[in-house]
Amino acid sequence: MKELVIHTEYITLGQALKLAGATSSGFESKVVITEGEVSVNGEVETRRGKKLRDGDVFTYNGESYKVSC
């Protein structure tokens, strides 16, 4: 599991995918999220504006990332 360090209270799922390098653009993030390819804390998430906070885990393409403040 990779750690994604943020310096704010939260980050949106779309931004997190891009920051982690899991996607190359905001558009790509939007597509993979709306197609149900991303899960947050073990559940499929289709909202790119979903707020991720310290301790949340998101998974895409077989890779997991833990948000850390």
PDB file of N, CA and C in Angstrom:
ATOM      1  N   MET A   1       0.841  -1.174   0.000  1.00  0.00           N
ATOM      2  CA  MET A   1       0.000   0.000   0.000  1.00  0.00           C
ATOM      3  C   MET A   1       0.888   1.241   0.000  1.00  0.00           C
ATOM      4  N   LYS A   2       0.564   2.167  -0.898  1.00  0.00           N
ATOM      5  CA  LYS A   2       1.319   3.408  -0.985  1.00  0.00           C
ATOM      6  C   LYS A   2       0.652   4.480  -0.128  1.00  0.00           C
ATOM      7  N   GLU A   3       1.452   5.401   0.366  1.00  0.00           N
ATOM      8  CA  GLU A   3       0.920   6.485   1.188  1.00  0.00           C
ATOM      9  C   GLU A   3       0.839   7.756   0.352  1.00  0.00           C
ATOM     10  N   LEU A   4      -0.291   8.441   0.445  1.00  0.00           N
ATOM     11  CA  LEU A   4      -0.492   9.710  -0.253  1.00  0.00           C
ATOM     12  C   LEU A   4      -0.602  10.800   0.806  1.00  0.00           C
ATOM     13  N   VAL A   5       0.436  11.599   0.934  1.00  0.00           N
ATOM     14  CA  VAL A   5       0.482  12.636   1.964  1.00  0.00           C
ATOM     15  C   VAL A   5      -0.143  13.915   1.415  1.00  0.00           C
ATOM     16  N   ILE A   6      -1.108  14.456   2.180  1.00  0.00           N
ATOM     17  CA  ILE A   6      -1.725  15.730   1.809  1.00  0.00           C
ATOM     18  C   ILE A   6      -1.503  16.725   2.947  1.00  0.00           C
ATOM     19  N   HIS A   7      -1.617  17.997   2.633  1.00  0.00           N
ATOM     20  CA  HIS A   7      -1.384  19.041   3.636  1.00  0.00           C
ATOM     21  C   HIS A   7      -2.637  19.870   3.865  1.00  0.00           C
ATOM     22  N   THR A   8      -3.787  19.280   3.570  1.00  0.00           N
ATOM     23  CA  THR A   8      -5.074  19.944   3.772  1.00  0.00           C
ATOM     24  C   THR A   8      -5.974  19.002   4.540  1.00  0.00           C
ATOM     25  N   GLU A   9      -7.163  19.472   4.904  1.00  0.00           N
ATOM     26  CA  GLU A   9      -8.102  18.653   5.674  1.00  0.00           C
ATOM     27  C   GLU A   9      -8.597  17.457   4.861  1.00  0.00           C
ATOM     28  N   TYR A  10      -8.780  17.659   3.560  1.00  0.00           N
ATOM     29  CA  TYR A  10      -9.266  16.589   2.687  1.00  0.00           C
ATOM     30  C   TYR A  10      -8.777  16.825   1.259  1.00  0.00           C
ATOM     31  N   ILE A  11      -8.970  15.794   0.423  1.00  0.00           N
ATOM     32  CA  ILE A  11      -8.680  15.882  -1.005  1.00  0.00           C
ATOM     33  C   ILE A  11      -9.794  15.124  -1.715  1.00  0.00           C
ATOM     34  N   THR A  12     -10.197  15.607  -2.890  1.00  0.00           N
ATOM     35  CA  THR A  12     -11.245  14.883  -3.605  1.00  0.00           C
ATOM     36  C   THR A  12     -10.644  13.647  -4.265  1.00  0.00           C
ATOM     37  N   LEU A  13     -11.487  12.690  -4.533  1.00  0.00           N
ATOM     38  CA  LEU A  13     -11.035  11.432  -5.124  1.00  0.00           C
ATOM     39  C   LEU A  13     -10.355  11.675  -6.473  1.00  0.00           C
ATOM     40  N   GLY A  14     -10.939  12.529  -7.296  1.00  0.00           N
ATOM     41  CA  GLY A  14     -10.335  12.827  -8.597  1.00  0.00           C
ATOM     42  C   GLY A  14      -8.946  13.423  -8.460  1.00  0.00           C
ATOM     43  N   GLN A  15      -8.790  14.358  -7.533  1.00  0.00           N
ATOM     44  CA  GLN A  15      -7.487  14.980  -7.295  1.00  0.00           C
ATOM     45  C   GLN A  15      -6.492  13.965  -6.746  1.00  0.00           C
ATOM     46  N   ALA A  16      -6.971  13.098  -5.869  1.00  0.00           N
ATOM     47  CA  ALA A  16      -6.098  12.101  -5.250  1.00  0.00           C
ATOM     48  C   ALA A  16      -5.534  11.140  -6.288  1.00  0.00           C
ATOM     49  N   LEU A  17      -6.366  10.693  -7.208  1.00  0.00           N
ATOM     50  CA  LEU A  17      -5.886   9.785  -8.258  1.00  0.00           C
ATOM     51  C   LEU A  17      -4.794  10.444  -9.075  1.00  0.00           C
ATOM     52  N   LYS A  18      -4.996  11.704  -9.409  1.00  0.00           N
ATOM     53  CA  LYS A  18      -4.012  12.434 -10.212  1.00  0.00           C
ATOM     54  C   LYS A  18      -2.727  12.660  -9.419  1.00  0.00           C
ATOM     55  N   LEU A  19      -2.856  13.097  -8.160  1.00  0.00           N
ATOM     56  CA  LEU A  19      -1.690  13.362  -7.313  1.00  0.00           C
ATOM     57  C   LEU A  19      -0.865  12.096  -7.088  1.00  0.00           C
ATOM     58  N   ALA A  20      -1.541  10.969  -6.934  1.00  0.00           N
ATOM     59  CA  ALA A  20      -0.851   9.703  -6.698  1.00  0.00           C
ATOM     60  C   ALA A  20      -0.172   9.166  -7.958  1.00  0.00           C
ATOM     61  N   GLY A  21      -0.504   9.749  -9.104  1.00  0.00           N
ATOM     62  CA  GLY A  21       0.069   9.270 -10.360  1.00  0.00           C
ATOM     63  C   GLY A  21      -0.668   8.073 -10.929  1.00  0.00           C
ATOM     64  N   ALA A  22      -1.820   7.745 -10.348  1.00  0.00           N
ATOM     65  CA  ALA A  22      -2.602   6.612 -10.820  1.00  0.00           C
ATOM     66  C   ALA A  22      -3.270   6.929 -12.160  1.00  0.00           C
ATOM     67  N   THR A  23      -3.580   8.205 -12.376  1.00  0.00           N
ATOM     68  CA  THR A  23      -4.113   8.665 -13.656  1.00  0.00           C
ATOM     69  C   THR A  23      -3.262   9.843 -14.112  1.00  0.00           C
ATOM     70  N   SER A  24      -3.296  10.116 -15.396  1.00  0.00           N
ATOM     71  CA  SER A  24      -2.443  11.180 -15.926  1.00  0.00           C
ATOM     72  C   SER A  24      -3.147  12.520 -16.055  1.00  0.00           C
ATOM     73  N   SER A  25      -4.481  12.523 -15.923  1.00  0.00           N
ATOM     74  CA  SER A  25      -5.216  13.782 -16.070  1.00  0.00           C
ATOM     75  C   SER A  25      -6.516  13.736 -15.290  1.00  0.00           C
ATOM     76  N   GLY A  26      -7.098  14.909 -15.104  1.00  0.00           N
ATOM     77  CA  GLY A  26      -8.386  14.990 -14.445  1.00  0.00           C
ATOM     78  C   GLY A  26      -9.466  14.283 -15.245  1.00  0.00           C
ATOM     79  N   PHE A  27      -9.371  14.364 -16.564  1.00  0.00           N
ATOM     80  CA  PHE A  27     -10.350  13.690 -17.419  1.00  0.00           C
ATOM     81  C   PHE A  27     -10.266  12.176 -17.248  1.00  0.00           C
ATOM     82  N   GLU A  28      -9.049  11.655 -17.226  1.00  0.00           N
ATOM     83  CA  GLU A  28      -8.873  10.208 -17.040  1.00  0.00           C
ATOM     84  C   GLU A  28      -9.430   9.780 -15.679  1.00  0.00           C
ATOM     85  N   SER A  29      -9.196  10.596 -14.648  1.00  0.00           N
ATOM     86  CA  SER A  29      -9.742  10.307 -13.316  1.00  0.00           C
ATOM     87  C   SER A  29     -11.255  10.234 -13.372  1.00  0.00           C
ATOM     88  N   LYS A  30     -11.859  11.211 -14.031  1.00  0.00           N
ATOM     89  CA  LYS A  30     -13.322  11.259 -14.152  1.00  0.00           C
ATOM     90  C   LYS A  30     -13.858   9.988 -14.808  1.00  0.00           C
ATOM     91  N   VAL A  31     -13.211   9.565 -15.879  1.00  0.00           N
ATOM     92  CA  VAL A  31     -13.659   8.385 -16.612  1.00  0.00           C
ATOM     93  C   VAL A  31     -13.579   7.123 -15.755  1.00  0.00           C
ATOM     94  N   VAL A  32     -12.436   6.880 -15.126  1.00  0.00           N
ATOM     95  CA  VAL A  32     -12.288   5.634 -14.356  1.00  0.00           C
ATOM     96  C   VAL A  32     -13.201   5.626 -13.126  1.00  0.00           C
ATOM     97  N   ILE A  33     -13.459   6.790 -12.544  1.00  0.00           N
ATOM     98  CA  ILE A  33     -14.347   6.856 -11.385  1.00  0.00           C
ATOM     99  C   ILE A  33     -15.786   6.587 -11.815  1.00  0.00           C
ATOM    100  N   THR A  34     -16.256   7.266 -12.861  1.00  0.00           N
ATOM    101  CA  THR A  34     -17.650   7.088 -13.279  1.00  0.00           C
ATOM    102  C   THR A  34     -17.914   5.692 -13.827  1.00  0.00           C
ATOM    103  N   GLU A  35     -16.876   5.008 -14.297  1.00  0.00           N
ATOM    104  CA  GLU A  35     -17.046   3.640 -14.784  1.00  0.00           C
ATOM    105  C   GLU A  35     -16.969   2.607 -13.659  1.00  0.00           C
ATOM    106  N   GLY A  36     -16.817   3.068 -12.420  1.00  0.00           N
ATOM    107  CA  GLY A  36     -16.838   2.166 -11.276  1.00  0.00           C
ATOM    108  C   GLY A  36     -15.558   1.382 -11.063  1.00  0.00           C
ATOM    109  N   GLU A  37     -14.436   1.910 -11.536  1.00  0.00           N
ATOM    110  CA  GLU A  37     -13.161   1.201 -11.413  1.00  0.00           C
ATOM    111  C   GLU A  37     -12.386   1.556 -10.154  1.00  0.00           C
ATOM    112  N   VAL A  38     -12.927   2.463  -9.333  1.00  0.00           N
ATOM    113  CA  VAL A  38     -12.229   2.929  -8.132  1.00  0.00           C
ATOM    114  C   VAL A  38     -13.071   2.597  -6.904  1.00  0.00           C
ATOM    115  N   SER A  39     -12.401   2.135  -5.849  1.00  0.00           N
ATOM    116  CA  SER A  39     -13.109   1.893  -4.590  1.00  0.00           C
ATOM    117  C   SER A  39     -12.478   2.726  -3.482  1.00  0.00           C
ATOM    118  N   VAL A  40     -13.312   3.110  -2.531  1.00  0.00           N
ATOM    119  CA  VAL A  40     -12.862   3.863  -1.365  1.00  0.00           C
ATOM    120  C   VAL A  40     -13.282   3.080  -0.130  1.00  0.00           C
ATOM    121  N   ASN A  41     -12.323   2.755   0.701  1.00  0.00           N
ATOM    122  CA  ASN A  41     -12.581   1.981   1.918  1.00  0.00           C
ATOM    123  C   ASN A  41     -13.374   0.710   1.619  1.00  0.00           C
ATOM    124  N   GLY A  42     -13.031   0.061   0.496  1.00  0.00           N
ATOM    125  CA  GLY A  42     -13.625  -1.227   0.154  1.00  0.00           C
ATOM    126  C   GLY A  42     -14.930  -1.179  -0.608  1.00  0.00           C
ATOM    127  N   GLU A  43     -15.457   0.010  -0.905  1.00  0.00           N
ATOM    128  CA  GLU A  43     -16.719   0.120  -1.631  1.00  0.00           C
ATOM    129  C   GLU A  43     -16.520   0.923  -2.908  1.00  0.00           C
ATOM    130  N   VAL A  44     -17.165   0.482  -3.989  1.00  0.00           N
ATOM    131  CA  VAL A  44     -17.050   1.192  -5.268  1.00  0.00           C
ATOM    132  C   VAL A  44     -17.576   2.610  -5.100  1.00  0.00           C
ATOM    133  N   GLU A  45     -16.821   3.573  -5.599  1.00  0.00           N
ATOM    134  CA  GLU A  45     -17.197   4.992  -5.502  1.00  0.00           C
ATOM    135  C   GLU A  45     -17.267   5.577  -6.906  1.00  0.00           C
ATOM    136  N   THR A  46     -18.378   6.239  -7.230  1.00  0.00           N
ATOM    137  CA  THR A  46     -18.553   6.801  -8.570  1.00  0.00           C
ATOM    138  C   THR A  46     -18.622   8.325  -8.557  1.00  0.00           C
ATOM    139  N   ARG A  47     -18.327   8.946  -7.417  1.00  0.00           N
ATOM    140  CA  ARG A  47     -18.333  10.416  -7.330  1.00  0.00           C
ATOM    141  C   ARG A  47     -16.890  10.908  -7.260  1.00  0.00           C
ATOM    142  N   ARG A  48     -16.481  11.679  -8.253  1.00  0.00           N
ATOM    143  CA  ARG A  48     -15.092  12.156  -8.239  1.00  0.00           C
ATOM    144  C   ARG A  48     -14.877  13.234  -7.189  1.00  0.00           C
ATOM    145  N   GLY A  49     -15.957  13.845  -6.704  1.00  0.00           N
ATOM    146  CA  GLY A  49     -15.864  14.868  -5.669  1.00  0.00           C
ATOM    147  C   GLY A  49     -15.884  14.301  -4.258  1.00  0.00           C
ATOM    148  N   LYS A  50     -15.893  12.981  -4.122  1.00  0.00           N
ATOM    149  CA  LYS A  50     -15.888  12.337  -2.805  1.00  0.00           C
ATOM    150  C   LYS A  50     -14.675  12.827  -2.022  1.00  0.00           C
ATOM    151  N   LYS A  51     -14.918  13.323  -0.810  1.00  0.00           N
ATOM    152  CA  LYS A  51     -13.832  13.851   0.019  1.00  0.00           C
ATOM    153  C   LYS A  51     -13.124  12.719   0.747  1.00  0.00           C
ATOM    154  N   LEU A  52     -11.821  12.655   0.569  1.00  0.00           N
ATOM    155  CA  LEU A  52     -10.996  11.673   1.264  1.00  0.00           C
ATOM    156  C   LEU A  52     -10.258  12.379   2.385  1.00  0.00           C
ATOM    157  N   ARG A  53     -10.283  11.785   3.557  1.00  0.00           N
ATOM    158  CA  ARG A  53      -9.640  12.372   4.727  1.00  0.00           C
ATOM    159  C   ARG A  53      -8.581  11.415   5.262  1.00  0.00           C
ATOM    160  N   ASP A  54      -7.841  11.864   6.247  1.00  0.00           N
ATOM    161  CA  ASP A  54      -6.777  11.077   6.855  1.00  0.00           C
ATOM    162  C   ASP A  54      -7.265   9.664   7.189  1.00  0.00           C
ATOM    163  N   GLY A  55      -6.554   8.670   6.713  1.00  0.00           N
ATOM    164  CA  GLY A  55      -6.874   7.278   7.006  1.00  0.00           C
ATOM    165  C   GLY A  55      -7.706   6.579   5.942  1.00  0.00           C
ATOM    166  N   ASP A  56      -8.328   7.335   5.032  1.00  0.00           N
ATOM    167  CA  ASP A  56      -9.106   6.709   3.962  1.00  0.00           C
ATOM    168  C   ASP A  56      -8.178   5.980   2.999  1.00  0.00           C
ATOM    169  N   VAL A  57      -8.670   4.892   2.438  1.00  0.00           N
ATOM    170  CA  VAL A  57      -7.899   4.095   1.485  1.00  0.00           C
ATOM    171  C   VAL A  57      -8.690   4.005   0.184  1.00  0.00           C
ATOM    172  N   PHE A  58      -8.027   4.335  -0.927  1.00  0.00           N
ATOM    173  CA  PHE A  58      -8.685   4.163  -2.219  1.00  0.00           C
ATOM    174  C   PHE A  58      -7.848   3.212  -3.069  1.00  0.00           C
ATOM    175  N   THR A  59      -8.547   2.473  -3.926  1.00  0.00           N
ATOM    176  CA  THR A  59      -7.903   1.451  -4.738  1.00  0.00           C
ATOM    177  C   THR A  59      -8.291   1.627  -6.198  1.00  0.00           C
ATOM    178  N   TYR A  60      -7.281   1.543  -7.053  1.00  0.00           N
ATOM    179  CA  TYR A  60      -7.519   1.624  -8.498  1.00  0.00           C
ATOM    180  C   TYR A  60      -6.464   0.779  -9.198  1.00  0.00           C
ATOM    181  N   ASN A  61      -6.901  -0.005 -10.157  1.00  0.00           N
ATOM    182  CA  ASN A  61      -5.998  -0.788 -11.007  1.00  0.00           C
ATOM    183  C   ASN A  61      -5.072  -1.687 -10.187  1.00  0.00           C
ATOM    184  N   GLY A  62      -5.604  -2.274  -9.121  1.00  0.00           N
ATOM    185  CA  GLY A  62      -4.838  -3.205  -8.301  1.00  0.00           C
ATOM    186  C   GLY A  62      -3.892  -2.557  -7.304  1.00  0.00           C
ATOM    187  N   GLU A  63      -3.865  -1.253  -7.238  1.00  0.00           N
ATOM    188  CA  GLU A  63      -2.967  -0.530  -6.343  1.00  0.00           C
ATOM    189  C   GLU A  63      -3.800   0.203  -5.283  1.00  0.00           C
ATOM    190  N   SER A  64      -3.354   0.145  -4.033  1.00  0.00           N
ATOM    191  CA  SER A  64      -4.055   0.826  -2.939  1.00  0.00           C
ATOM    192  C   SER A  64      -3.226   1.986  -2.424  1.00  0.00           C
ATOM    193  N   TYR A  65      -3.929   3.045  -2.042  1.00  0.00           N
ATOM    194  CA  TYR A  65      -3.292   4.265  -1.547  1.00  0.00           C
ATOM    195  C   TYR A  65      -3.990   4.707  -0.263  1.00  0.00           C
ATOM    196  N   LYS A  66      -3.207   5.012   0.757  1.00  0.00           N
ATOM    197  CA  LYS A  66      -3.759   5.472   2.024  1.00  0.00           C
ATOM    198  C   LYS A  66      -3.494   6.975   2.162  1.00  0.00           C
ATOM    199  N   VAL A  67      -4.565   7.739   2.424  1.00  0.00           N
ATOM    200  CA  VAL A  67      -4.431   9.179   2.591  1.00  0.00           C
ATOM    201  C   VAL A  67      -3.905   9.468   3.974  1.00  0.00           C
ATOM    202  N   SER A  68      -2.906  10.326   4.040  1.00  0.00           N
ATOM    203  CA  SER A  68      -2.286  10.676   5.308  1.00  0.00           C
ATOM    204  C   SER A  68      -2.043  12.175   5.359  1.00  0.00           C
ATOM    205  N   CYS A  69      -2.403  12.784   6.482  1.00  0.00           N
ATOM    206  CA  CYS A  69      -2.188  14.228   6.658  1.00  0.00           C
ATOM    207  C   CYS A  69      -0.860  14.491   7.338  1.00  0.00           C
TER     208      CYS A  69
END
